[in-house]
């Protein structure tokens, strides 16, 4: 047929977003190889119209570094070689990329708190509730901070988070009243709520102060 004859190298070094493969061109069928590499797709029988590497020219073996893959995804891969007669392909192989390495987050909530009680009297503690979710409506996983004295921030930390975008929500409410001279109670303010979003990356700790 005149198109190159080749095989696909086994896929190795599979990670969350990359892998290695290559090919072995055993014959150019009488027409010089102008380009070679591997191509891949999430559909079977990928071609040079899909994602591909370009790894030199000529017959023989070559190694290809496949990059830009999505984590936890199945791909089909095969080597290719092109000459003036057309493009030949090696055997079709498949791979499953790994799940991404987790990340972590530490959020420090700097609450704007003003004491309402007299000095040297008994002050209240504040109860802070915080949660994370994949969307603003999914913030229902709550974790309680230890009680913080007035003017103290609360810090939320968690690990083993898959990379991606997260939303947070924190609410500060008074835990109990405080006495001042004359056995009067401090006023109970309305809850203070803070919300926002952040990005988690693999093997990194995202730090926020809000």
Protein backbone atom coordinates (compact mmCIF):
# COMPACT_ATOMS: atom_id res chain seq x y z
CA UNK A 1 0.00 0.00 0.00
CA UNK A 2 3.02 2.27 0.40
CA UNK A 3 2.10 3.60 3.83
CA UNK A 4 4.54 3.07 6.73
CA UNK A 5 4.49 -0.12 8.78
CA UNK A 6 4.91 0.35 12.53
CA UNK A 7 4.00 -0.83 16.01
CA UNK A 8 2.96 1.10 19.12
CA UNK A 9 5.18 0.99 22.19
CA UNK A 10 3.56 -0.03 25.50
CA UNK A 11 2.21 2.87 27.54
CA UNK A 12 4.25 3.58 30.66
CA UNK A 13 4.71 6.24 33.33
CA UNK A 14 0.97 6.91 33.54
CA UNK A 15 0.12 9.88 35.75
CA UNK A 16 -2.88 12.16 36.28
CA UNK A 17 -2.15 14.32 33.23
CA UNK A 18 0.59 12.56 31.26
CA UNK A 19 2.00 9.24 30.06
CA UNK A 20 4.75 7.85 27.83
CA UNK A 21 4.57 5.71 24.71
CA UNK A 22 6.12 5.78 21.24
CA UNK A 23 6.54 3.51 18.28
CA UNK A 24 8.80 1.39 16.13
CA UNK A 25 8.69 2.01 12.36
CA UNK A 26 9.86 -1.16 10.67
CA UNK A 27 9.38 -0.03 7.06
CA UNK A 28 8.80 3.22 5.20
CA UNK A 29 7.61 1.23 2.14
CA UNK A 30 10.02 3.08 -0.12
CA UNK A 31 8.99 6.61 0.83
CA UNK A 32 10.78 8.63 3.51
CA UNK A 33 8.98 9.22 6.82
CA UNK A 34 8.25 12.92 7.16
CA UNK A 35 6.63 12.86 10.59
CA UNK A 36 5.97 10.38 13.38
CA UNK A 37 4.59 10.28 16.90
CA UNK A 38 1.55 9.07 18.79
CA UNK A 39 -2.04 10.29 18.67
CA UNK A 40 -4.73 9.90 21.28
CA UNK A 41 -8.40 10.49 21.98
CA UNK A 42 -11.16 9.48 24.35
CA UNK A 43 -12.72 7.73 21.33
CA UNK A 44 -11.34 4.61 19.67
CA UNK A 45 -9.03 4.74 16.66
CA UNK A 46 -7.49 8.20 17.16
CA UNK A 47 -5.88 9.78 14.10
CA UNK A 48 -3.48 12.63 13.36
CA UNK A 49 -6.56 14.89 13.33
CA UNK A 50 -6.77 14.34 17.11
CA UNK A 51 -4.24 15.27 19.77
CA UNK A 52 -0.77 14.07 18.82
CA UNK A 53 2.96 14.39 19.39
CA UNK A 54 5.55 15.02 16.69
CA UNK A 55 8.74 13.08 17.32
CA UNK A 56 11.13 13.46 14.42
CA UNK A 57 11.27 11.56 11.15
CA UNK A 58 12.71 8.40 9.61
CA UNK A 59 12.36 4.72 10.46
CA UNK A 60 13.27 3.09 13.76
CA UNK A 61 12.09 3.49 17.32
CA UNK A 62 10.99 6.70 19.00
CA UNK A 63 9.62 7.77 22.37
CA UNK A 64 6.63 10.07 22.85
CA UNK A 65 5.60 12.09 25.88
CA UNK A 66 1.83 12.41 26.06
CA UNK A 67 0.72 15.50 27.98
CA UNK A 68 -2.40 17.55 28.62
CA UNK A 69 -4.54 14.61 29.71
CA UNK A 70 -7.43 14.86 32.14
CA UNK A 71 -7.21 13.00 35.42
CA UNK A 72 -9.30 9.84 35.98
CA UNK A 73 -10.05 9.53 32.26
CA UNK A 74 -9.78 6.70 29.73
CA UNK A 75 -7.82 7.33 26.51
CA UNK A 76 -6.98 5.41 23.35
CA UNK A 77 -3.46 5.73 21.94
CA UNK A 78 -1.63 4.55 18.84
CA UNK A 79 1.59 5.42 17.07
CA UNK A 80 1.55 6.98 13.61
CA UNK A 81 4.00 7.62 10.78
CA UNK A 82 3.44 9.67 7.63
CA UNK A 83 5.11 9.50 4.22
CA UNK A 84 4.09 10.71 0.76
CA UNK A 85 1.71 7.77 0.40
CA UNK A 86 -0.25 8.48 3.57
CA UNK A 87 -0.28 7.74 7.29
CA UNK A 88 0.10 4.36 8.89
CA UNK A 89 -0.85 3.47 12.46
CA UNK A 90 0.35 1.02 15.06
CA UNK A 91 -1.75 -1.11 17.38
CA UNK A 92 -4.48 0.57 19.40
CA UNK A 93 -3.71 0.75 23.13
CA UNK A 94 -5.63 2.25 26.04
CA UNK A 95 -4.81 3.89 29.35
CA UNK A 96 -6.59 5.25 32.41
CA UNK A 97 -5.04 8.34 33.91
CA UNK A 98 -4.61 8.50 37.66
CA UNK A 99 -6.66 10.55 40.06
CA UNK A 100 -4.96 13.87 40.86
CA UNK A 101 -2.92 14.19 44.04
CA UNK A 102 -4.95 15.96 46.75
CA UNK A 103 -4.36 19.41 48.12
CA UNK A 104 -5.26 21.25 51.32
CA UNK A 105 -6.66 24.56 52.51
CA UNK A 106 -6.31 26.81 55.53
CA UNK A 107 -8.83 29.63 55.90
CA UNK A 108 -8.36 32.27 58.58
CA UNK A 109 -11.48 34.28 59.37
CA UNK A 110 -10.60 37.70 60.71
CA UNK A 111 -13.87 38.76 62.26
CA UNK A 112 -14.44 42.45 62.81
CA UNK A 113 -15.47 42.22 66.49
CA UNK A 114 -15.94 45.13 68.87
CA UNK A 115 -16.30 44.48 72.57
CA UNK A 116 -19.61 45.63 73.95
CA UNK A 117 -18.86 44.95 77.60
CA UNK A 118 -17.00 46.94 80.18
CA UNK A 119 -13.35 46.21 80.85
CA UNK A 120 -12.54 43.62 83.52
CA UNK A 121 -15.95 41.99 83.22
CA UNK A 122 -16.83 38.55 81.91
CA UNK A 123 -16.93 38.39 78.10
CA UNK A 124 -18.73 35.88 75.89
CA UNK A 125 -17.23 33.33 73.55
CA UNK A 126 -18.14 33.08 69.90
CA UNK A 127 -19.27 29.94 68.09
CA UNK A 128 -18.03 29.69 64.51
CA UNK A 129 -19.37 27.17 62.02
CA UNK A 130 -17.69 26.65 58.64
CA UNK A 131 -18.25 24.29 55.74
CA UNK A 132 -16.93 23.54 52.25
CA UNK A 133 -18.75 22.42 49.12
CA UNK A 134 -18.39 22.05 45.37
CA UNK A 135 -21.02 24.73 44.77
CA UNK A 136 -22.58 27.56 46.70
CA UNK A 137 -25.64 25.38 47.39
CA UNK A 138 -23.52 22.43 48.53
CA UNK A 139 -22.02 24.06 51.62
CA UNK A 140 -23.68 21.83 54.14
CA UNK A 141 -20.64 19.94 55.47
CA UNK A 142 -20.02 21.79 58.72
CA UNK A 143 -16.99 21.70 61.02
CA UNK A 144 -16.99 23.44 64.38
CA UNK A 145 -14.14 25.60 65.55
CA UNK A 146 -13.14 25.65 69.18
CA UNK A 147 -14.72 28.60 70.94
CA UNK A 148 -12.78 31.79 70.28
CA UNK A 149 -12.62 34.73 72.62
CA UNK A 150 -13.66 38.08 71.28
CA UNK A 151 -11.34 39.57 68.66
CA UNK A 152 -9.76 36.17 67.98
CA UNK A 153 -9.95 34.82 64.43
CA UNK A 154 -11.04 31.28 63.64
CA UNK A 155 -8.94 29.00 61.45
CA UNK A 156 -10.41 26.25 59.29
CA UNK A 157 -8.01 23.63 57.93
CA UNK A 158 -8.62 20.46 55.99
CA UNK A 159 -6.55 18.12 53.82
CA UNK A 160 -7.00 15.45 51.13
CA UNK A 161 -9.14 17.66 48.91
CA UNK A 162 -9.30 16.70 45.23
CA UNK A 163 -8.05 19.62 43.10
CA UNK A 164 -10.73 21.98 41.88
CA UNK A 165 -12.87 24.95 42.86
CA UNK A 166 -14.46 25.00 46.30
CA UNK A 167 -16.88 27.32 48.06
CA UNK A 168 -16.83 28.16 51.75
CA UNK A 169 -19.32 29.59 54.19
CA UNK A 170 -18.71 30.59 57.80
CA UNK A 171 -21.13 31.95 60.39
CA UNK A 172 -20.23 33.62 63.68
CA UNK A 173 -22.84 33.84 66.41
CA UNK A 174 -22.68 34.63 70.10
CA UNK A 175 -22.43 31.54 72.27
CA UNK A 176 -23.68 33.03 75.52
CA UNK A 177 -24.28 36.44 77.06
CA UNK A 178 -21.89 38.27 79.33
CA UNK A 179 -22.56 40.15 82.54
CA UNK A 180 -21.63 43.76 83.14
CA UNK A 181 -22.09 45.95 86.19
CA UNK A 182 -25.71 45.78 87.34
CA UNK A 183 -26.20 42.19 86.09
CA UNK A 184 -27.12 43.31 82.58
CA UNK A 185 -26.46 41.19 79.55
CA UNK A 186 -24.39 42.16 76.52
CA UNK A 187 -26.45 42.63 73.41
CA UNK A 188 -26.64 39.64 71.06
CA UNK A 189 -25.63 40.78 67.56
CA UNK A 190 -27.00 39.28 64.35
CA UNK A 191 -24.91 36.40 62.98
CA UNK A 192 -22.05 37.42 60.71
CA UNK A 193 -21.71 35.31 57.56
CA UNK A 194 -18.77 35.12 55.18
CA UNK A 195 -18.78 33.26 51.87
CA UNK A 196 -16.42 32.89 48.94
CA UNK A 197 -14.53 30.45 46.76
CA UNK A 198 -10.97 29.24 46.24
CA UNK A 199 -8.90 26.88 44.09
CA UNK A 200 -7.19 23.72 45.38
CA UNK A 201 -4.13 22.45 43.50
CA UNK A 202 -2.36 19.10 43.76
CA UNK A 203 0.26 18.83 46.51
CA UNK A 204 -0.29 22.42 47.60
CA UNK A 205 -1.93 24.16 50.54
CA UNK A 206 -4.13 27.09 49.68
CA UNK A 207 -4.10 29.78 52.39
CA UNK A 208 -6.82 32.42 52.64
CA UNK A 209 -7.48 35.25 55.07
CA UNK A 210 -11.02 36.60 54.85
